[in-house]
Amino acid sequence: MNVEITKIASIEEAIELLQPIDVEFYHLSANVDESGQHPDDDSEDDEQAQVHVATARRVGESGVDYRCRLTVQIPGVEIVVDGAILYQASSYVEIAKSVCKEFGDEIAVMSLFPYLRQAVSDLADRIGRTVTLPHIGRGEITFSEE
């Protein structure tokens, strides 16, 4: 069986051939300890938020997945959101490592982050808290290889 493999050698080719097909969540949680159960009326959750980001990417025969786990901490509360955006081509592809990294760092992160931000906001709302994630500038989130 002879399978044709399309080589993706530039970011422009990746943008043209890889289409987002889904956003999947693997973990959503909001843990409140005793100190977080009754926040002060004057508490400024937004200013005290600490965010840790872990990333991974997985390359398959016809696409690539970019996964990001956000751990957001405010006094007495830890919110964890772990999700991925899945990109797929219409045929088998071979993506150059540099292109795969650039596509993730420049395109996938911009597509995935609004979903992660909304999930953090929804979880915070469910426990009666307000969390606004800090501005994350271009290049601050990069995808490692899984």
C-alpha atoms as a PDB file:
ATOM      1  CA  MET A   1       0.000   0.000   0.000  1.00  0.00           C
ATOM      2  CA  ASN A   2       1.483   3.301  -1.104  1.00  0.00           C
ATOM      3  CA  VAL A   3       0.340   6.247   1.012  1.00  0.00           C
ATOM      4  CA  GLU A   4       0.986   9.779  -0.198  1.00  0.00           C
ATOM      5  CA  ILE A   5       2.414  12.017   2.497  1.00  0.00           C
ATOM      6  CA  THR A   6       2.258  15.790   2.169  1.00  0.00           C
ATOM      7  CA  LYS A   7       5.295  17.538   3.631  1.00  0.00           C
ATOM      8  CA  ILE A   8       4.578  20.753   5.486  1.00  0.00           C
ATOM      9  CA  ALA A   9       7.714  22.865   5.383  1.00  0.00           C
ATOM     10  CA  SER A  10       6.427  26.380   6.139  1.00  0.00           C
ATOM     11  CA  ILE A  11       4.015  28.101   8.474  1.00  0.00           C
ATOM     12  CA  GLU A  12       1.976  29.205   5.455  1.00  0.00           C
ATOM     13  CA  GLU A  13       1.534  25.577   4.350  1.00  0.00           C
ATOM     14  CA  ALA A  14       0.552  24.606   7.897  1.00  0.00           C
ATOM     15  CA  ILE A  15      -2.079  27.359   8.025  1.00  0.00           C
ATOM     16  CA  GLU A  16      -3.447  26.222   4.677  1.00  0.00           C
ATOM     17  CA  LEU A  17      -3.477  22.457   5.357  1.00  0.00           C
ATOM     18  CA  LEU A  18      -4.194  22.113   9.092  1.00  0.00           C
ATOM     19  CA  GLN A  19      -7.763  22.802  10.179  1.00  0.00           C
ATOM     20  CA  PRO A  20      -8.969  22.977  13.789  1.00  0.00           C
ATOM     21  CA  ILE A  21     -11.397  20.111  14.329  1.00  0.00           C
ATOM     22  CA  ASP A  22     -12.033  20.174  18.071  1.00  0.00           C
ATOM     23  CA  VAL A  23     -11.168  21.578  21.475  1.00  0.00           C
ATOM     24  CA  GLU A  24     -11.087  18.896  24.166  1.00  0.00           C
ATOM     25  CA  PHE A  25     -10.853  19.312  27.917  1.00  0.00           C
ATOM     26  CA  TYR A  26      -9.080  16.676  30.006  1.00  0.00           C
ATOM     27  CA  HIS A  27      -9.369  18.244  33.451  1.00  0.00           C
ATOM     28  CA  LEU A  28     -11.441  20.995  35.044  1.00  0.00           C
ATOM     29  CA  SER A  29     -11.333  21.636  38.788  1.00  0.00           C
ATOM     30  CA  ALA A  30     -11.722  24.344  41.388  1.00  0.00           C
ATOM     31  CA  ASN A  31     -10.421  23.485  44.844  1.00  0.00           C
ATOM     32  CA  VAL A  32     -11.229  25.737  47.781  1.00  0.00           C
ATOM     33  CA  ASP A  33      -9.495  25.399  51.133  1.00  0.00           C
ATOM     34  CA  GLU A  34     -10.730  26.869  54.416  1.00  0.00           C
ATOM     35  CA  SER A  35      -9.123  30.251  53.810  1.00  0.00           C
ATOM     36  CA  GLY A  36     -10.836  30.554  50.423  1.00  0.00           C
ATOM     37  CA  GLN A  37     -14.362  29.706  51.543  1.00  0.00           C
ATOM     38  CA  HIS A  38     -15.135  33.185  52.836  1.00  0.00           C
ATOM     39  CA  PRO A  39     -13.171  35.788  50.894  1.00  0.00           C
ATOM     40  CA  ASP A  40     -13.029  39.269  52.374  1.00  0.00           C
ATOM     41  CA  ASP A  41     -15.470  41.678  50.794  1.00  0.00           C
ATOM     42  CA  ASP A  42     -12.517  43.888  49.899  1.00  0.00           C
ATOM     43  CA  SER A  43     -10.405  41.067  48.426  1.00  0.00           C
ATOM     44  CA  GLU A  44      -8.697  41.775  45.136  1.00  0.00           C
ATOM     45  CA  ASP A  45      -8.508  38.309  43.557  1.00  0.00           C
ATOM     46  CA  ASP A  46      -7.352  39.667  40.213  1.00  0.00           C
ATOM     47  CA  GLU A  47      -4.213  41.294  41.593  1.00  0.00           C
ATOM     48  CA  GLN A  48      -3.186  38.195  43.558  1.00  0.00           C
ATOM     49  CA  ALA A  49      -3.682  35.572  40.821  1.00  0.00           C
ATOM     50  CA  GLN A  50      -0.670  33.371  40.109  1.00  0.00           C
ATOM     51  CA  VAL A  51      -0.742  31.404  36.852  1.00  0.00           C
ATOM     52  CA  HIS A  52       1.392  28.385  35.973  1.00  0.00           C
ATOM     53  CA  VAL A  53       1.328  27.089  32.398  1.00  0.00           C
ATOM     54  CA  ALA A  54       2.377  23.627  31.190  1.00  0.00           C
ATOM     55  CA  THR A  55       2.226  22.704  27.504  1.00  0.00           C
ATOM     56  CA  ALA A  56       2.717  19.759  25.191  1.00  0.00           C
ATOM     57  CA  ARG A  57       2.205  18.889  21.565  1.00  0.00           C
ATOM     58  CA  ARG A  58       1.569  15.565  19.915  1.00  0.00           C
ATOM     59  CA  VAL A  59       2.118  14.983  16.219  1.00  0.00           C
ATOM     60  CA  GLY A  60       0.109  12.288  14.454  1.00  0.00           C
ATOM     61  CA  GLU A  61      -0.080  10.963  10.918  1.00  0.00           C
ATOM     62  CA  SER A  62      -2.634  13.510   9.770  1.00  0.00           C
ATOM     63  CA  GLY A  63      -2.392  16.324  12.274  1.00  0.00           C
ATOM     64  CA  VAL A  64      -1.162  17.748  15.530  1.00  0.00           C
ATOM     65  CA  ASP A  65      -2.645  18.417  18.968  1.00  0.00           C
ATOM     66  CA  TYR A  66      -1.578  21.325  21.165  1.00  0.00           C
ATOM     67  CA  ARG A  67      -2.336  20.903  24.864  1.00  0.00           C
ATOM     68  CA  CYS A  68      -2.170  23.482  27.628  1.00  0.00           C
ATOM     69  CA  ARG A  69      -2.728  23.141  31.384  1.00  0.00           C
ATOM     70  CA  LEU A  70      -3.350  26.313  33.372  1.00  0.00           C
ATOM     71  CA  THR A  71      -3.085  26.278  37.155  1.00  0.00           C
ATOM     72  CA  VAL A  72      -4.478  29.503  38.592  1.00  0.00           C
ATOM     73  CA  GLN A  73      -4.027  30.273  42.280  1.00  0.00           C
ATOM     74  CA  ILE A  74      -5.624  32.983  44.349  1.00  0.00           C
ATOM     75  CA  PRO A  75      -5.731  32.966  48.149  1.00  0.00           C
ATOM     76  CA  GLY A  76      -7.527  29.817  49.241  1.00  0.00           C
ATOM     77  CA  VAL A  77      -8.393  28.680  45.703  1.00  0.00           C
ATOM     78  CA  GLU A  78      -6.710  26.640  43.000  1.00  0.00           C
ATOM     79  CA  ILE A  79      -8.322  26.346  39.571  1.00  0.00           C
ATOM     80  CA  VAL A  80      -6.939  23.865  37.048  1.00  0.00           C
ATOM     81  CA  VAL A  81      -7.951  23.794  33.388  1.00  0.00           C
ATOM     82  CA  ASP A  82      -6.350  21.318  30.981  1.00  0.00           C
ATOM     83  CA  GLY A  83      -7.398  21.384  27.339  1.00  0.00           C
ATOM     84  CA  ALA A  84      -6.156  20.878  23.809  1.00  0.00           C
ATOM     85  CA  ILE A  85      -6.920  22.065  20.327  1.00  0.00           C
ATOM     86  CA  LEU A  86      -6.768  19.392  17.648  1.00  0.00           C
ATOM     87  CA  TYR A  87      -5.689  20.207  14.104  1.00  0.00           C
ATOM     88  CA  GLN A  88      -6.078  17.785  11.238  1.00  0.00           C
ATOM     89  CA  ALA A  89      -5.199  17.716   7.548  1.00  0.00           C
ATOM     90  CA  SER A  90      -7.264  15.976   4.879  1.00  0.00           C
ATOM     91  CA  SER A  91      -4.423  13.544   4.185  1.00  0.00           C
ATOM     92  CA  TYR A  92      -1.304  12.170   5.821  1.00  0.00           C
ATOM     93  CA  VAL A  93       1.215  14.905   6.594  1.00  0.00           C
ATOM     94  CA  GLU A  94       4.785  15.220   7.751  1.00  0.00           C
ATOM     95  CA  ILE A  95       5.335  18.488   9.573  1.00  0.00           C
ATOM     96  CA  ALA A  96       8.815  19.934   9.967  1.00  0.00           C
ATOM     97  CA  LYS A  97       9.638  20.252  13.692  1.00  0.00           C
ATOM     98  CA  SER A  98      10.352  23.964  13.403  1.00  0.00           C
ATOM     99  CA  VAL A  99       7.037  24.542  11.603  1.00  0.00           C
ATOM    100  CA  CYS A 100       5.149  22.467  14.169  1.00  0.00           C
ATOM    101  CA  LYS A 101       6.624  24.554  16.981  1.00  0.00           C
ATOM    102  CA  GLU A 102       6.026  27.873  15.199  1.00  0.00           C
ATOM    103  CA  PHE A 103       2.436  26.927  14.311  1.00  0.00           C
ATOM    104  CA  GLY A 104       1.744  26.059  17.938  1.00  0.00           C
ATOM    105  CA  ASP A 105       3.418  29.122  19.391  1.00  0.00           C
ATOM    106  CA  GLU A 106       1.884  31.582  16.915  1.00  0.00           C
ATOM    107  CA  ILE A 107      -1.461  30.066  15.793  1.00  0.00           C
ATOM    108  CA  ALA A 108      -2.681  27.277  18.095  1.00  0.00           C
ATOM    109  CA  VAL A 109      -2.123  29.210  21.314  1.00  0.00           C
ATOM    110  CA  MET A 110      -4.240  32.085  19.995  1.00  0.00           C
ATOM    111  CA  SER A 111      -7.024  29.647  19.089  1.00  0.00           C
ATOM    112  CA  LEU A 112      -6.923  27.617  22.321  1.00  0.00           C
ATOM    113  CA  PHE A 113      -6.407  30.322  24.927  1.00  0.00           C
ATOM    114  CA  PRO A 114      -9.925  31.878  24.768  1.00  0.00           C
ATOM    115  CA  TYR A 115     -11.415  28.456  25.608  1.00  0.00           C
ATOM    116  CA  LEU A 116      -9.059  28.029  28.564  1.00  0.00           C
ATOM    117  CA  ARG A 117      -9.739  31.562  29.810  1.00  0.00           C
ATOM    118  CA  GLN A 118     -13.505  30.985  29.629  1.00  0.00           C
ATOM    119  CA  ALA A 119     -13.204  27.684  31.514  1.00  0.00           C
ATOM    120  CA  VAL A 120     -11.221  29.408  34.301  1.00  0.00           C
ATOM    121  CA  SER A 121     -13.840  32.166  34.481  1.00  0.00           C
ATOM    122  CA  ASP A 122     -16.725  29.661  34.572  1.00  0.00           C
ATOM    123  CA  LEU A 123     -15.125  27.619  37.359  1.00  0.00           C
ATOM    124  CA  ALA A 124     -14.366  30.737  39.401  1.00  0.00           C
ATOM    125  CA  ASP A 125     -17.948  31.912  38.990  1.00  0.00           C
ATOM    126  CA  ARG A 126     -19.272  28.565  40.240  1.00  0.00           C
ATOM    127  CA  ILE A 127     -17.402  29.004  43.515  1.00  0.00           C
ATOM    128  CA  GLY A 128     -18.388  32.661  43.856  1.00  0.00           C
ATOM    129  CA  ARG A 129     -15.008  34.142  42.978  1.00  0.00           C
ATOM    130  CA  THR A 130     -13.739  36.427  40.243  1.00  0.00           C
ATOM    131  CA  VAL A 131     -10.515  35.696  38.414  1.00  0.00           C
ATOM    132  CA  THR A 132      -9.144  37.604  35.474  1.00  0.00           C
ATOM    133  CA  LEU A 133      -6.109  36.044  33.880  1.00  0.00           C
ATOM    134  CA  PRO A 134      -3.209  38.413  33.317  1.00  0.00           C
ATOM    135  CA  HIS A 135      -2.292  39.503  29.804  1.00  0.00           C
ATOM    136  CA  ILE A 136      -0.160  36.849  28.164  1.00  0.00           C
ATOM    137  CA  GLY A 137       1.997  38.356  25.480  1.00  0.00           C
ATOM    138  CA  ARG A 138       3.104  36.842  22.223  1.00  0.00           C
ATOM    139  CA  GLY A 139       5.712  34.180  22.803  1.00  0.00           C
ATOM    140  CA  GLU A 140       5.028  33.778  26.520  1.00  0.00           C
ATOM    141  CA  ILE A 141       3.373  30.381  25.963  1.00  0.00           C
ATOM    142  CA  THR A 142       5.344  27.893  23.913  1.00  0.00           C
ATOM    143  CA  PHE A 143       4.558  24.264  23.170  1.00  0.00           C
ATOM    144  CA  SER A 144       6.982  21.547  24.077  1.00  0.00           C
ATOM    145  CA  GLU A 145       6.994  18.179  22.351  1.00  0.00           C
ATOM    146  CA  GLU A 146       5.180  15.375  24.194  1.00  0.00           C
END
